[in-house]
Amino acid sequence: MDRSKQREIASKGGKAAHQKGTAHEWTSEEARNAGRKGGLASHARRRERLAQQGDSVAGVPPESRPGEPASQDATRGAGEREEF
């Protein structure tokens, strides 16, 4: 099944559940916790990927990382913009 057809079916199901009154509605606390968990999982995957590449940058200042420029604040004066 292609994505558009699957999305259409899911949309109809969601609308039907809301009309019926059985759809889940997030509280602000539930939404906050879900967002926090998603962020933690995303960052954990990135840390794992970097560790597998042998490019663990935790605790290493930008100027010490090979191939990476130092922070913009350190390379330019306040208020200056980088030209492209």
PDB file of N, CA and C in Angstrom:
ATOM      1  N   MET A   1       0.854  -1.174   0.000  1.00  0.00           N
ATOM      2  CA  MET A   1       0.000   0.000   0.000  1.00  0.00           C
ATOM      3  C   MET A   1       0.904   1.241   0.000  1.00  0.00           C
ATOM      4  N   ASP A   2       0.591   2.207  -0.854  1.00  0.00           N
ATOM      5  CA  ASP A   2       1.430   3.401  -0.896  1.00  0.00           C
ATOM      6  C   ASP A   2       1.117   4.316   0.294  1.00  0.00           C
ATOM      7  N   ARG A   3       2.025   5.227   0.549  1.00  0.00           N
ATOM      8  CA  ARG A   3       1.920   6.084   1.737  1.00  0.00           C
ATOM      9  C   ARG A   3       0.668   6.947   1.736  1.00  0.00           C
ATOM     10  N   SER A   4       0.302   7.478   0.583  1.00  0.00           N
ATOM     11  CA  SER A   4      -0.859   8.366   0.541  1.00  0.00           C
ATOM     12  C   SER A   4      -2.145   7.610   0.893  1.00  0.00           C
ATOM     13  N   LYS A   5      -2.266   6.384   0.417  1.00  0.00           N
ATOM     14  CA  LYS A   5      -3.450   5.572   0.726  1.00  0.00           C
ATOM     15  C   LYS A   5      -3.486   5.231   2.218  1.00  0.00           C
ATOM     16  N   GLN A   6      -2.328   4.881   2.774  1.00  0.00           N
ATOM     17  CA  GLN A   6      -2.254   4.551   4.198  1.00  0.00           C
ATOM     18  C   GLN A   6      -2.607   5.778   5.043  1.00  0.00           C
ATOM     19  N   ARG A   7      -2.103   6.933   4.643  1.00  0.00           N
ATOM     20  CA  ARG A   7      -2.382   8.170   5.372  1.00  0.00           C
ATOM     21  C   ARG A   7      -3.875   8.509   5.313  1.00  0.00           C
ATOM     22  N   GLU A   8      -4.480   8.305   4.150  1.00  0.00           N
ATOM     23  CA  GLU A   8      -5.908   8.573   3.977  1.00  0.00           C
ATOM     24  C   GLU A   8      -6.749   7.691   4.907  1.00  0.00           C
ATOM     25  N   ILE A   9      -6.405   6.414   4.978  1.00  0.00           N
ATOM     26  CA  ILE A   9      -7.132   5.478   5.844  1.00  0.00           C
ATOM     27  C   ILE A   9      -6.960   5.864   7.312  1.00  0.00           C
ATOM     28  N   ALA A  10      -5.739   6.204   7.707  1.00  0.00           N
ATOM     29  CA  ALA A  10      -5.482   6.600   9.093  1.00  0.00           C
ATOM     30  C   ALA A  10      -6.238   7.878   9.443  1.00  0.00           C
ATOM     31  N   SER A  11      -6.296   8.802   8.506  1.00  0.00           N
ATOM     32  CA  SER A  11      -7.012  10.053   8.730  1.00  0.00           C
ATOM     33  C   SER A  11      -8.496   9.795   8.969  1.00  0.00           C
ATOM     34  N   LYS A  12      -9.070   8.930   8.154  1.00  0.00           N
ATOM     35  CA  LYS A  12     -10.487   8.587   8.326  1.00  0.00           C
ATOM     36  C   LYS A  12     -10.727   7.935   9.685  1.00  0.00           C
ATOM     37  N   GLY A  13      -9.817   7.063  10.103  1.00  0.00           N
ATOM     38  CA  GLY A  13      -9.953   6.412  11.404  1.00  0.00           C
ATOM     39  C   GLY A  13      -9.868   7.406  12.547  1.00  0.00           C
ATOM     40  N   GLY A  14      -8.950   8.344  12.441  1.00  0.00           N
ATOM     41  CA  GLY A  14      -8.814   9.360  13.484  1.00  0.00           C
ATOM     42  C   GLY A  14     -10.042  10.245  13.584  1.00  0.00           C
ATOM     43  N   LYS A  15     -10.576  10.647  12.433  1.00  0.00           N
ATOM     44  CA  LYS A  15     -11.776  11.493  12.425  1.00  0.00           C
ATOM     45  C   LYS A  15     -12.972  10.737  12.999  1.00  0.00           C
ATOM     46  N   ALA A  16     -13.092   9.457  12.648  1.00  0.00           N
ATOM     47  CA  ALA A  16     -14.198   8.643  13.165  1.00  0.00           C
ATOM     48  C   ALA A  16     -14.094   8.494  14.682  1.00  0.00           C
ATOM     49  N   ALA A  17     -12.879   8.288  15.185  1.00  0.00           N
ATOM     50  CA  ALA A  17     -12.690   8.131  16.631  1.00  0.00           C
ATOM     51  C   ALA A  17     -13.058   9.417  17.363  1.00  0.00           C
ATOM     52  N   HIS A  18     -12.725  10.568  16.790  1.00  0.00           N
ATOM     53  CA  HIS A  18     -13.079  11.839  17.425  1.00  0.00           C
ATOM     54  C   HIS A  18     -14.594  12.038  17.422  1.00  0.00           C
ATOM     55  N   GLN A  19     -15.253  11.704  16.316  1.00  0.00           N
ATOM     56  CA  GLN A  19     -16.709  11.838  16.256  1.00  0.00           C
ATOM     57  C   GLN A  19     -17.386  10.912  17.263  1.00  0.00           C
ATOM     58  N   LYS A  20     -16.826   9.739  17.422  1.00  0.00           N
ATOM     59  CA  LYS A  20     -17.388   8.752  18.344  1.00  0.00           C
ATOM     60  C   LYS A  20     -17.085   9.109  19.803  1.00  0.00           C
ATOM     61  N   GLY A  21     -16.029   9.897  20.010  1.00  0.00           N
ATOM     62  CA  GLY A  21     -15.656  10.293  21.365  1.00  0.00           C
ATOM     63  C   GLY A  21     -14.673   9.355  22.025  1.00  0.00           C
ATOM     64  N   THR A  22     -14.052   8.474  21.252  1.00  0.00           N
ATOM     65  CA  THR A  22     -13.119   7.508  21.833  1.00  0.00           C
ATOM     66  C   THR A  22     -11.662   7.817  21.499  1.00  0.00           C
ATOM     67  N   ALA A  23     -11.404   8.939  20.850  1.00  0.00           N
ATOM     68  CA  ALA A  23     -10.031   9.287  20.471  1.00  0.00           C
ATOM     69  C   ALA A  23      -9.244   9.736  21.699  1.00  0.00           C
ATOM     70  N   HIS A  24      -7.967   9.450  21.698  1.00  0.00           N
ATOM     71  CA  HIS A  24      -7.108   9.881  22.798  1.00  0.00           C
ATOM     72  C   HIS A  24      -6.756  11.349  22.620  1.00  0.00           C
ATOM     73  N   GLU A  25      -6.890  12.118  23.671  1.00  0.00           N
ATOM     74  CA  GLU A  25      -6.474  13.518  23.637  1.00  0.00           C
ATOM     75  C   GLU A  25      -5.422  13.703  24.714  1.00  0.00           C
ATOM     76  N   TRP A  26      -4.294  14.249  24.301  1.00  0.00           N
ATOM     77  CA  TRP A  26      -3.146  14.402  25.184  1.00  0.00           C
ATOM     78  C   TRP A  26      -3.364  15.516  26.196  1.00  0.00           C
ATOM     79  N   THR A  27      -2.983  15.250  27.447  1.00  0.00           N
ATOM     80  CA  THR A  27      -2.905  16.319  28.434  1.00  0.00           C
ATOM     81  C   THR A  27      -1.554  16.995  28.234  1.00  0.00           C
ATOM     82  N   SER A  28      -1.390  18.178  28.789  1.00  0.00           N
ATOM     83  CA  SER A  28      -0.110  18.865  28.619  1.00  0.00           C
ATOM     84  C   SER A  28       1.024  18.065  29.260  1.00  0.00           C
ATOM     85  N   GLU A  29       0.739  17.377  30.361  1.00  0.00           N
ATOM     86  CA  GLU A  29       1.774  16.569  31.018  1.00  0.00           C
ATOM     87  C   GLU A  29       2.166  15.365  30.159  1.00  0.00           C
ATOM     88  N   GLU A  30       1.174  14.696  29.561  1.00  0.00           N
ATOM     89  CA  GLU A  30       1.474  13.561  28.676  1.00  0.00           C
ATOM     90  C   GLU A  30       2.311  14.013  27.478  1.00  0.00           C
ATOM     91  N   ALA A  31       1.931  15.133  26.892  1.00  0.00           N
ATOM     92  CA  ALA A  31       2.659  15.641  25.727  1.00  0.00           C
ATOM     93  C   ALA A  31       4.089  16.019  26.107  1.00  0.00           C
ATOM     94  N   ARG A  32       4.254  16.641  27.259  1.00  0.00           N
ATOM     95  CA  ARG A  32       5.589  17.032  27.723  1.00  0.00           C
ATOM     96  C   ARG A  32       6.465  15.801  27.926  1.00  0.00           C
ATOM     97  N   ASN A  33       5.917  14.775  28.574  1.00  0.00           N
ATOM     98  CA  ASN A  33       6.686  13.546  28.805  1.00  0.00           C
ATOM     99  C   ASN A  33       7.036  12.839  27.500  1.00  0.00           C
ATOM    100  N   ALA A  34       6.091  12.809  26.564  1.00  0.00           N
ATOM    101  CA  ALA A  34       6.355  12.166  25.275  1.00  0.00           C
ATOM    102  C   ALA A  34       7.461  12.911  24.527  1.00  0.00           C
ATOM    103  N   GLY A  35       7.419  14.221  24.535  1.00  0.00           N
ATOM    104  CA  GLY A  35       8.458  15.011  23.876  1.00  0.00           C
ATOM    105  C   GLY A  35       9.817  14.810  24.520  1.00  0.00           C
ATOM    106  N   ARG A  36       9.839  14.747  25.839  1.00  0.00           N
ATOM    107  CA  ARG A  36      11.101  14.527  26.554  1.00  0.00           C
ATOM    108  C   ARG A  36      11.684  13.167  26.193  1.00  0.00           C
ATOM    109  N   LYS A  37      10.841  12.137  26.192  1.00  0.00           N
ATOM    110  CA  LYS A  37      11.317  10.792  25.857  1.00  0.00           C
ATOM    111  C   LYS A  37      11.830  10.729  24.421  1.00  0.00           C
ATOM    112  N   GLY A  38      11.135  11.382  23.515  1.00  0.00           N
ATOM    113  CA  GLY A  38      11.583  11.397  22.125  1.00  0.00           C
ATOM    114  C   GLY A  38      12.928  12.077  21.978  1.00  0.00           C
ATOM    115  N   GLY A  39      13.115  13.176  22.679  1.00  0.00           N
ATOM    116  CA  GLY A  39      14.393  13.883  22.632  1.00  0.00           C
ATOM    117  C   GLY A  39      15.517  13.052  23.211  1.00  0.00           C
ATOM    118  N   LEU A  40      15.249  12.380  24.318  1.00  0.00           N
ATOM    119  CA  LEU A  40      16.274  11.531  24.927  1.00  0.00           C
ATOM    120  C   LEU A  40      16.663  10.395  23.990  1.00  0.00           C
ATOM    121  N   ALA A  41      15.670   9.774  23.359  1.00  0.00           N
ATOM    122  CA  ALA A  41      15.946   8.663  22.445  1.00  0.00           C
ATOM    123  C   ALA A  41      16.741   9.145  21.238  1.00  0.00           C
ATOM    124  N   SER A  42      16.369  10.297  20.713  1.00  0.00           N
ATOM    125  CA  SER A  42      17.055  10.845  19.542  1.00  0.00           C
ATOM    126  C   SER A  42      18.515  11.147  19.859  1.00  0.00           C
ATOM    127  N   HIS A  43      18.750  11.781  20.994  1.00  0.00           N
ATOM    128  CA  HIS A  43      20.124  12.121  21.374  1.00  0.00           C
ATOM    129  C   HIS A  43      20.939  10.872  21.698  1.00  0.00           C
ATOM    130  N   ALA A  44      20.289   9.867  22.283  1.00  0.00           N
ATOM    131  CA  ALA A  44      20.998   8.621  22.599  1.00  0.00           C
ATOM    132  C   ALA A  44      21.454   7.926  21.316  1.00  0.00           C
ATOM    133  N   ARG A  45      20.585   7.920  20.300  1.00  0.00           N
ATOM    134  CA  ARG A  45      20.969   7.307  19.014  1.00  0.00           C
ATOM    135  C   ARG A  45      22.145   8.058  18.394  1.00  0.00           C
ATOM    136  N   ARG A  46      22.135   9.372  18.483  1.00  0.00           N
ATOM    137  CA  ARG A  46      23.232  10.158  17.909  1.00  0.00           C
ATOM    138  C   ARG A  46      24.541   9.884  18.655  1.00  0.00           C
ATOM    139  N   ARG A  47      24.468   9.855  19.982  1.00  0.00           N
ATOM    140  CA  ARG A  47      25.679   9.561  20.763  1.00  0.00           C
ATOM    141  C   ARG A  47      26.221   8.183  20.416  1.00  0.00           C
ATOM    142  N   GLU A  48      25.324   7.210  20.269  1.00  0.00           N
ATOM    143  CA  GLU A  48      25.747   5.851  19.927  1.00  0.00           C
ATOM    144  C   GLU A  48      26.407   5.822  18.547  1.00  0.00           C
ATOM    145  N   ARG A  49      25.819   6.520  17.595  1.00  0.00           N
ATOM    146  CA  ARG A  49      26.372   6.554  16.241  1.00  0.00           C
ATOM    147  C   ARG A  49      27.763   7.198  16.244  1.00  0.00           C
ATOM    148  N   LEU A  50      27.924   8.289  16.976  1.00  0.00           N
ATOM    149  CA  LEU A  50      29.226   8.951  17.049  1.00  0.00           C
ATOM    150  C   LEU A  50      30.262   8.065  17.728  1.00  0.00           C
ATOM    151  N   ALA A  51      29.847   7.339  18.766  1.00  0.00           N
ATOM    152  CA  ALA A  51      30.774   6.451  19.465  1.00  0.00           C
ATOM    153  C   ALA A  51      31.225   5.316  18.550  1.00  0.00           C
ATOM    154  N   GLN A  52      30.314   4.804  17.735  1.00  0.00           N
ATOM    155  CA  GLN A  52      30.673   3.736  16.801  1.00  0.00           C
ATOM    156  C   GLN A  52      31.653   4.226  15.743  1.00  0.00           C
ATOM    157  N   GLN A  53      31.565   5.492  15.393  1.00  0.00           N
ATOM    158  CA  GLN A  53      32.462   6.062  14.398  1.00  0.00           C
ATOM    159  C   GLN A  53      33.804   6.441  15.012  1.00  0.00           C
ATOM    160  N   GLY A  54      33.900   6.340  16.322  1.00  0.00           N
ATOM    161  CA  GLY A  54      35.131   6.718  16.998  1.00  0.00           C
ATOM    162  C   GLY A  54      35.307   8.222  17.058  1.00  0.00           C
ATOM    163  N   ASP A  55      34.202   8.930  16.969  1.00  0.00           N
ATOM    164  CA  ASP A  55      34.239  10.388  16.934  1.00  0.00           C
ATOM    165  C   ASP A  55      33.515  10.952  18.147  1.00  0.00           C
ATOM    166  N   SER A  56      33.777  10.377  19.298  1.00  0.00           N
ATOM    167  CA  SER A  56      33.118  10.844  20.500  1.00  0.00           C
ATOM    168  C   SER A  56      33.610  12.244  20.824  1.00  0.00           C
ATOM    169  N   VAL A  57      32.686  13.207  20.808  1.00  0.00           N
ATOM    170  CA  VAL A  57      33.067  14.601  21.005  1.00  0.00           C
ATOM    171  C   VAL A  57      32.691  15.114  22.389  1.00  0.00           C
ATOM    172  N   ALA A  58      32.160  14.254  23.228  1.00  0.00           N
ATOM    173  CA  ALA A  58      31.760  14.684  24.559  1.00  0.00           C
ATOM    174  C   ALA A  58      32.966  15.187  25.340  1.00  0.00           C
ATOM    175  N   GLY A  59      32.864  16.387  25.819  1.00  0.00           N
ATOM    176  CA  GLY A  59      33.922  16.957  26.634  1.00  0.00           C
ATOM    177  C   GLY A  59      35.113  17.495  25.858  1.00  0.00           C
ATOM    178  N   VAL A  60      35.070  17.481  24.544  1.00  0.00           N
ATOM    179  CA  VAL A  60      36.180  17.984  23.735  1.00  0.00           C
ATOM    180  C   VAL A  60      35.774  19.339  23.173  1.00  0.00           C
ATOM    181  N   PRO A  61      36.540  20.393  23.456  1.00  0.00           N
ATOM    182  CA  PRO A  61      36.180  21.716  22.942  1.00  0.00           C
ATOM    183  C   PRO A  61      36.267  21.754  21.418  1.00  0.00           C
ATOM    184  N   PRO A  62      35.431  22.584  20.749  1.00  0.00           N
ATOM    185  CA  PRO A  62      35.397  22.621  19.286  1.00  0.00           C
ATOM    186  C   PRO A  62      36.749  22.882  18.643  1.00  0.00           C
ATOM    187  N   GLU A  63      37.583  23.727  19.259  1.00  0.00           N
ATOM    188  CA  GLU A  63      38.877  24.042  18.655  1.00  0.00           C
ATOM    189  C   GLU A  63      39.838  22.847  18.680  1.00  0.00           C
ATOM    190  N   SER A  64      39.526  21.827  19.488  1.00  0.00           N
ATOM    191  CA  SER A  64      40.380  20.644  19.568  1.00  0.00           C
ATOM    192  C   SER A  64      39.931  19.525  18.645  1.00  0.00           C
ATOM    193  N   ARG A  65      38.754  19.692  18.014  1.00  0.00           N
ATOM    194  CA  ARG A  65      38.236  18.654  17.130  1.00  0.00           C
ATOM    195  C   ARG A  65      38.815  18.833  15.734  1.00  0.00           C
ATOM    196  N   PRO A  66      39.414  17.797  15.190  1.00  0.00           N
ATOM    197  CA  PRO A  66      39.977  17.914  13.848  1.00  0.00           C
ATOM    198  C   PRO A  66      38.888  18.125  12.806  1.00  0.00           C
ATOM    199  N   GLY A  67      39.113  19.090  11.926  1.00  0.00           N
ATOM    200  CA  GLY A  67      38.184  19.325  10.835  1.00  0.00           C
ATOM    201  C   GLY A  67      36.963  20.136  11.191  1.00  0.00           C
ATOM    202  N   GLU A  68      36.842  20.581  12.428  1.00  0.00           N
ATOM    203  CA  GLU A  68      35.698  21.387  12.821  1.00  0.00           C
ATOM    204  C   GLU A  68      36.171  22.767  13.226  1.00  0.00           C
ATOM    205  N   PRO A  69      35.503  23.806  12.723  1.00  0.00           N
ATOM    206  CA  PRO A  69      35.891  25.162  13.110  1.00  0.00           C
ATOM    207  C   PRO A  69      35.512  25.432  14.560  1.00  0.00           C
ATOM    208  N   ALA A  70      36.202  26.365  15.154  1.00  0.00           N
ATOM    209  CA  ALA A  70      35.873  26.766  16.520  1.00  0.00           C
ATOM    210  C   ALA A  70      34.514  27.439  16.495  1.00  0.00           C
ATOM    211  N   SER A  71      33.955  27.708  17.649  1.00  0.00           N
ATOM    212  CA  SER A  71      32.637  28.330  17.696  1.00  0.00           C
ATOM    213  C   SER A  71      32.678  29.680  16.999  1.00  0.00           C
ATOM    214  N   GLN A  72      31.544  30.117  16.486  1.00  0.00           N
ATOM    215  CA  GLN A  72      31.485  31.371  15.749  1.00  0.00           C
ATOM    216  C   GLN A  72      31.841  32.547  16.636  1.00  0.00           C
ATOM    217  N   ASP A  73      31.466  32.488  17.901  1.00  0.00           N
ATOM    218  CA  ASP A  73      31.768  33.579  18.816  1.00  0.00           C
ATOM    219  C   ASP A  73      33.271  33.782  18.952  1.00  0.00           C
ATOM    220  N   ALA A  74      34.033  32.715  18.892  1.00  0.00           N
ATOM    221  CA  ALA A  74      35.472  32.810  19.068  1.00  0.00           C
ATOM    222  C   ALA A  74      36.172  33.287  17.801  1.00  0.00           C
ATOM    223  N   THR A  75      35.548  33.113  16.647  1.00  0.00           N
ATOM    224  CA  THR A  75      36.212  33.461  15.396  1.00  0.00           C
ATOM    225  C   THR A  75      35.787  34.807  14.839  1.00  0.00           C
ATOM    226  N   ARG A  76      34.691  35.376  15.339  1.00  0.00           N
ATOM    227  CA  ARG A  76      34.215  36.659  14.839  1.00  0.00           C
ATOM    228  C   ARG A  76      33.899  37.577  15.997  1.00  0.00           C
ATOM    229  N   GLY A  77      33.946  38.848  15.732  1.00  0.00           N
ATOM    230  CA  GLY A  77      33.598  39.823  16.745  1.00  0.00           C
ATOM    231  C   GLY A  77      32.101  39.886  16.937  1.00  0.00           C
ATOM    232  N   ALA A  78      31.680  40.485  18.036  1.00  0.00           N
ATOM    233  CA  ALA A  78      30.253  40.584  18.319  1.00  0.00           C
ATOM    234  C   ALA A  78      29.572  41.435  17.260  1.00  0.00           C
ATOM    235  N   GLY A  79      28.451  40.978  16.763  1.00  0.00           N
ATOM    236  CA  GLY A  79      27.685  41.733  15.794  1.00  0.00           C
ATOM    237  C   GLY A  79      28.108  41.538  14.355  1.00  0.00           C
ATOM    238  N   GLU A  80      29.203  40.867  14.099  1.00  0.00           N
ATOM    239  CA  GLU A  80      29.640  40.636  12.723  1.00  0.00           C
ATOM    240  C   GLU A  80      28.883  39.452  12.147  1.00  0.00           C
ATOM    241  N   ARG A  81      28.611  39.518  10.847  1.00  0.00           N
ATOM    242  CA  ARG A  81      27.921  38.424  10.176  1.00  0.00           C
ATOM    243  C   ARG A  81      28.861  37.760   9.200  1.00  0.00           C
ATOM    244  N   GLU A  82      28.698  36.465   9.049  1.00  0.00           N
ATOM    245  CA  GLU A  82      29.537  35.716   8.127  1.00  0.00           C
ATOM    246  C   GLU A  82      29.043  35.925   6.706  1.00  0.00           C
ATOM    247  N   GLU A  83      29.936  36.207   5.785  1.00  0.00           N
ATOM    248  CA  GLU A  83      29.610  36.412   4.378  1.00  0.00           C
ATOM    249  C   GLU A  83      29.712  35.097   3.632  1.00  0.00           C
ATOM    250  N   PHE A  84      28.751  34.817   2.763  1.00  0.00           N
ATOM    251  CA  PHE A  84      28.780  33.598   1.950  1.00  0.00           C
ATOM    252  C   PHE A  84      28.986  33.949   0.515  1.00  0.00           C
TER     253      PHE A  84
END
